Every structure is written in structure tokens, then in C-alpha cells.
Amino acid sequence: MAGRMIRWVTIAVLLGTFCPLCLSYVSDYPDRAVVVYREPGCTYFIAEGPNYYYLIMEWRDGYDPIPGEILLGDFKNVGYSDAYYPEADRKGAVYVEANSLSRSEAIVKYYKICLPTNIIQPGEYDGLPPY
């Protein structure tokens, strides 16, 4: 166990010494998420974020992610965030619609956004206050 920790510390030091650009990406983008689902034709997607919480995000500008891609950014707060996609080496912008959701909460909220006519019919109670 100690050997593994020493190895990771060594790698981190080497990256910091020989790759200052790598450290700037880490400091600029404190959170990591993975796109887990996206309905075709919808600009929103579900991402698994820190501590196994789920996020609902909307693609806004730049690189358009697909399921399985990693994105880095500041996803702790609802609102706009710059995103970096390390696998594609591209940047983009996302809007964090909701964060810290359980898996089931994320699915329900996502389908209320992307497929409202399939989930809630007019006059049905959806748990939200009336308009």
C-alpha cells in the first residue's frame, strides 16, 4: 500500500515538474464528470460527477460531448461553467441545471426536461407547484 502511494506521489511530482500545463488544467477544472446518458435531439445530458452524484447539464457552446466522455470543470454550483474534454483535447461550455442528484432523481428530472410530453400529460400532478 505504501509503495503504491509513493508511486502516485512520484508521478504527481513529475507531472508538476515537467508538465506545468497539466497542473493548470487541474486547478482550472476542479471537478470531473463522465457523460452517462444523452437522448438524441436533446441538448441536455446526464453526467456522473464527484462522489457518485449525478448532474443534469446542458451543452451550450464548443465541443459537444457524447456518452462515455470525461469532462472537467467547476460543477459544484448551478449555472454556466467552462468545460474541458481531455480525451478530445477540446473546450466547451455547459450549463449545470442540477447537481448532487441520486441516480433516480437524475433520470426523472432529465426526462421532465427532454421528453415532457412522454412523462407528464396536461393536468397530471408532477409534484411541482402549479404554473
C-alpha atoms as a PDB file:
ATOM      1  CA  MET A   1       0.000   0.000   0.000  1.00  0.00           C
ATOM      2  CA  ALA A   2       2.783   2.431   0.905  1.00  0.00           C
ATOM      3  CA  GLY A   3       4.600   1.574  -2.324  1.00  0.00           C
ATOM      4  CA  ARG A   4       1.544   2.466  -4.369  1.00  0.00           C
ATOM      5  CA  MET A   5       1.199   5.798  -2.556  1.00  0.00           C
ATOM      6  CA  ILE A   6       4.862   6.639  -3.146  1.00  0.00           C
ATOM      7  CA  ARG A   7       4.445   5.803  -6.834  1.00  0.00           C
ATOM      8  CA  TRP A   8       1.424   8.174  -7.153  1.00  0.00           C
ATOM      9  CA  VAL A   9       3.248  10.961  -5.314  1.00  0.00           C
ATOM     10  CA  THR A  10       6.250  10.494  -7.616  1.00  0.00           C
ATOM     11  CA  ILE A  11       4.037  10.677 -10.705  1.00  0.00           C
ATOM     12  CA  ALA A  12       2.314  13.810  -9.392  1.00  0.00           C
ATOM     13  CA  VAL A  13       5.666  15.491  -8.680  1.00  0.00           C
ATOM     14  CA  LEU A  14       6.995  14.580 -12.127  1.00  0.00           C
ATOM     15  CA  LEU A  15       3.866  15.885 -13.816  1.00  0.00           C
ATOM     16  CA  GLY A  16       4.120  19.097 -11.835  1.00  0.00           C
ATOM     17  CA  THR A  17       7.791  19.492 -12.684  1.00  0.00           C
ATOM     18  CA  PHE A  18       7.699  18.549 -16.353  1.00  0.00           C
ATOM     19  CA  CYS A  19       4.150  19.486 -17.244  1.00  0.00           C
ATOM     20  CA  PRO A  20       3.100  22.809 -15.701  1.00  0.00           C
ATOM     21  CA  LEU A  21       0.278  22.983 -18.242  1.00  0.00           C
ATOM     22  CA  CYS A  22      -1.138  19.755 -16.744  1.00  0.00           C
ATOM     23  CA  LEU A  23      -1.312  21.392 -13.319  1.00  0.00           C
ATOM     24  CA  SER A  24      -3.070  24.458 -14.715  1.00  0.00           C
ATOM     25  CA  TYR A  25      -5.797  22.208 -16.143  1.00  0.00           C
ATOM     26  CA  VAL A  26      -6.215  20.554 -12.744  1.00  0.00           C
ATOM     27  CA  SER A  27      -6.519  23.892 -10.936  1.00  0.00           C
ATOM     28  CA  ASP A  28      -8.804  25.464 -13.582  1.00  0.00           C
ATOM     29  CA  TYR A  29     -11.150  22.471 -13.597  1.00  0.00           C
ATOM     30  CA  PRO A  30     -11.586  21.124 -10.053  1.00  0.00           C
ATOM     31  CA  ASP A  31     -14.405  18.634 -10.792  1.00  0.00           C
ATOM     32  CA  ARG A  32     -14.524  15.574 -13.023  1.00  0.00           C
ATOM     33  CA  ALA A  33     -17.663  14.093 -14.547  1.00  0.00           C
ATOM     34  CA  VAL A  34     -18.457  11.408 -17.099  1.00  0.00           C
ATOM     35  CA  VAL A  35     -21.324  11.721 -19.573  1.00  0.00           C
ATOM     36  CA  VAL A  36     -23.518   8.677 -18.923  1.00  0.00           C
ATOM     37  CA  TYR A  37     -26.639   9.371 -20.977  1.00  0.00           C
ATOM     38  CA  ARG A  38     -27.877  11.668 -23.680  1.00  0.00           C
ATOM     39  CA  GLU A  39     -31.136  11.451 -25.601  1.00  0.00           C
ATOM     40  CA  PRO A  40     -30.710  12.114 -29.349  1.00  0.00           C
ATOM     41  CA  GLY A  41     -32.003  15.567 -30.244  1.00  0.00           C
ATOM     42  CA  CYS A  42     -31.742  16.912 -26.687  1.00  0.00           C
ATOM     43  CA  THR A  43     -29.054  19.399 -25.661  1.00  0.00           C
ATOM     44  CA  TYR A  44     -29.167  18.129 -22.049  1.00  0.00           C
ATOM     45  CA  PHE A  45     -27.262  15.128 -20.733  1.00  0.00           C
ATOM     46  CA  ILE A  46     -26.723  13.218 -17.503  1.00  0.00           C
ATOM     47  CA  ALA A  47     -23.206  13.055 -16.090  1.00  0.00           C
ATOM     48  CA  GLU A  48     -21.869  11.135 -13.130  1.00  0.00           C
ATOM     49  CA  GLY A  49     -19.927  13.595 -11.025  1.00  0.00           C
ATOM     50  CA  PRO A  50     -17.869  13.641  -7.845  1.00  0.00           C
ATOM     51  CA  ASN A  51     -18.765  11.174  -5.082  1.00  0.00           C
ATOM     52  CA  TYR A  52     -21.112   9.223  -7.385  1.00  0.00           C
ATOM     53  CA  TYR A  53     -23.624  12.052  -7.566  1.00  0.00           C
ATOM     54  CA  TYR A  54     -25.338  12.811 -10.834  1.00  0.00           C
ATOM     55  CA  LEU A  55     -25.649  16.108 -12.681  1.00  0.00           C
ATOM     56  CA  ILE A  56     -28.028  17.375 -15.340  1.00  0.00           C
ATOM     57  CA  MET A  57     -26.091  19.559 -17.767  1.00  0.00           C
ATOM     58  CA  GLU A  58     -26.917  21.376 -20.964  1.00  0.00           C
ATOM     59  CA  TRP A  59     -24.402  21.702 -23.771  1.00  0.00           C
ATOM     60  CA  ARG A  60     -24.075  25.408 -24.586  1.00  0.00           C
ATOM     61  CA  ASP A  61     -21.023  26.047 -26.761  1.00  0.00           C
ATOM     62  CA  GLY A  62     -17.898  24.476 -28.218  1.00  0.00           C
ATOM     63  CA  TYR A  63     -17.298  20.748 -28.118  1.00  0.00           C
ATOM     64  CA  ASP A  64     -20.473  18.649 -27.952  1.00  0.00           C
ATOM     65  CA  PRO A  65     -19.932  15.597 -25.678  1.00  0.00           C
ATOM     66  CA  ILE A  66     -21.138  12.055 -26.248  1.00  0.00           C
ATOM     67  CA  PRO A  67     -21.782   9.311 -23.658  1.00  0.00           C
ATOM     68  CA  GLY A  68     -18.609   7.926 -22.130  1.00  0.00           C
ATOM     69  CA  GLU A  69     -16.613  11.137 -22.402  1.00  0.00           C
ATOM     70  CA  ILE A  70     -14.897  12.737 -19.429  1.00  0.00           C
ATOM     71  CA  LEU A  71     -15.340  16.435 -18.791  1.00  0.00           C
ATOM     72  CA  LEU A  72     -13.553  18.655 -16.326  1.00  0.00           C
ATOM     73  CA  GLY A  73     -14.971  21.865 -14.898  1.00  0.00           C
ATOM     74  CA  ASP A  74     -16.468  23.537 -11.858  1.00  0.00           C
ATOM     75  CA  PHE A  75     -19.764  21.696 -11.384  1.00  0.00           C
ATOM     76  CA  LYS A  76     -20.464  22.409  -7.704  1.00  0.00           C
ATOM     77  CA  ASN A  77     -22.929  25.230  -8.422  1.00  0.00           C
ATOM     78  CA  VAL A  78     -25.905  25.567 -10.729  1.00  0.00           C
ATOM     79  CA  GLY A  79     -25.053  27.864 -13.621  1.00  0.00           C
ATOM     80  CA  TYR A  80     -22.638  28.244 -16.505  1.00  0.00           C
ATOM     81  CA  SER A  81     -19.260  26.542 -16.427  1.00  0.00           C
ATOM     82  CA  ASP A  82     -16.383  26.152 -18.816  1.00  0.00           C
ATOM     83  CA  ALA A  83     -15.615  22.529 -19.571  1.00  0.00           C
ATOM     84  CA  TYR A  84     -12.526  20.752 -20.809  1.00  0.00           C
ATOM     85  CA  TYR A  85     -12.716  17.363 -22.530  1.00  0.00           C
ATOM     86  CA  PRO A  86      -9.264  15.784 -22.031  1.00  0.00           C
ATOM     87  CA  GLU A  87      -9.823  12.805 -24.340  1.00  0.00           C
ATOM     88  CA  ALA A  88     -10.698  15.088 -27.254  1.00  0.00           C
ATOM     89  CA  ASP A  89      -8.402  17.921 -26.065  1.00  0.00           C
ATOM     90  CA  ARG A  90     -11.244  20.370 -26.681  1.00  0.00           C
ATOM     91  CA  LYS A  91     -13.067  23.018 -24.666  1.00  0.00           C
ATOM     92  CA  GLY A  92     -16.720  23.889 -24.401  1.00  0.00           C
ATOM     93  CA  ALA A  93     -19.322  25.440 -22.155  1.00  0.00           C
ATOM     94  CA  VAL A  94     -22.097  23.779 -20.202  1.00  0.00           C
ATOM     95  CA  TYR A  95     -24.955  24.913 -18.018  1.00  0.00           C
ATOM     96  CA  VAL A  96     -25.301  22.899 -14.810  1.00  0.00           C
ATOM     97  CA  GLU A  97     -29.065  22.559 -14.443  1.00  0.00           C
ATOM     98  CA  ALA A  98     -28.943  20.393 -11.312  1.00  0.00           C
ATOM     99  CA  ASN A  99     -26.235  18.733  -9.256  1.00  0.00           C
ATOM    100  CA  SER A 100     -25.886  16.355  -6.301  1.00  0.00           C
ATOM    101  CA  LEU A 101     -28.723  14.162  -7.565  1.00  0.00           C
ATOM    102  CA  SER A 102     -29.231  10.488  -6.923  1.00  0.00           C
ATOM    103  CA  ARG A 103     -29.439   8.252  -9.982  1.00  0.00           C
ATOM    104  CA  SER A 104     -33.248   8.046  -9.850  1.00  0.00           C
ATOM    105  CA  GLU A 105     -33.624  11.809  -9.260  1.00  0.00           C
ATOM    106  CA  ALA A 106     -31.401  12.490 -12.269  1.00  0.00           C
ATOM    107  CA  ILE A 107     -33.439  10.191 -14.532  1.00  0.00           C
ATOM    108  CA  VAL A 108     -36.769  11.708 -13.514  1.00  0.00           C
ATOM    109  CA  LYS A 109     -35.523  15.294 -13.850  1.00  0.00           C
ATOM    110  CA  TYR A 110     -33.847  14.559 -17.190  1.00  0.00           C
ATOM    111  CA  TYR A 111     -36.997  13.157 -18.725  1.00  0.00           C
ATOM    112  CA  LYS A 112     -39.057  16.065 -17.436  1.00  0.00           C
ATOM    113  CA  ILE A 113     -36.681  18.333 -19.361  1.00  0.00           C
ATOM    114  CA  CYS A 114     -36.112  16.335 -22.536  1.00  0.00           C
ATOM    115  CA  LEU A 115     -39.366  14.449 -23.031  1.00  0.00           C
ATOM    116  CA  PRO A 116     -42.064  16.422 -21.224  1.00  0.00           C
ATOM    117  CA  THR A 117     -44.980  15.094 -23.250  1.00  0.00           C
ATOM    118  CA  ASN A 118     -43.994  11.481 -22.606  1.00  0.00           C
ATOM    119  CA  ILE A 119     -43.737  11.897 -18.853  1.00  0.00           C
ATOM    120  CA  ILE A 120     -46.330  14.465 -17.738  1.00  0.00           C
ATOM    121  CA  GLN A 121     -49.603  14.850 -19.539  1.00  0.00           C
ATOM    122  CA  PRO A 122     -51.555  18.121 -19.220  1.00  0.00           C
ATOM    123  CA  GLY A 123     -53.458  18.182 -15.951  1.00  0.00           C
ATOM    124  CA  GLU A 124     -51.345  15.474 -14.296  1.00  0.00           C
ATOM    125  CA  TYR A 125     -49.762  16.212 -10.953  1.00  0.00           C
ATOM    126  CA  ASP A 126     -45.986  16.047 -11.187  1.00  0.00           C
ATOM    127  CA  GLY A 127     -45.095  17.148  -7.667  1.00  0.00           C
ATOM    128  CA  LEU A 128     -44.309  20.687  -8.770  1.00  0.00           C
ATOM    129  CA  PRO A 129     -46.346  23.737  -7.815  1.00  0.00           C
ATOM    130  CA  PRO A 130     -48.876  24.860 -10.429  1.00  0.00           C
ATOM    131  CA  TYR A 131     -47.749  27.434 -13.003  1.00  0.00           C
END
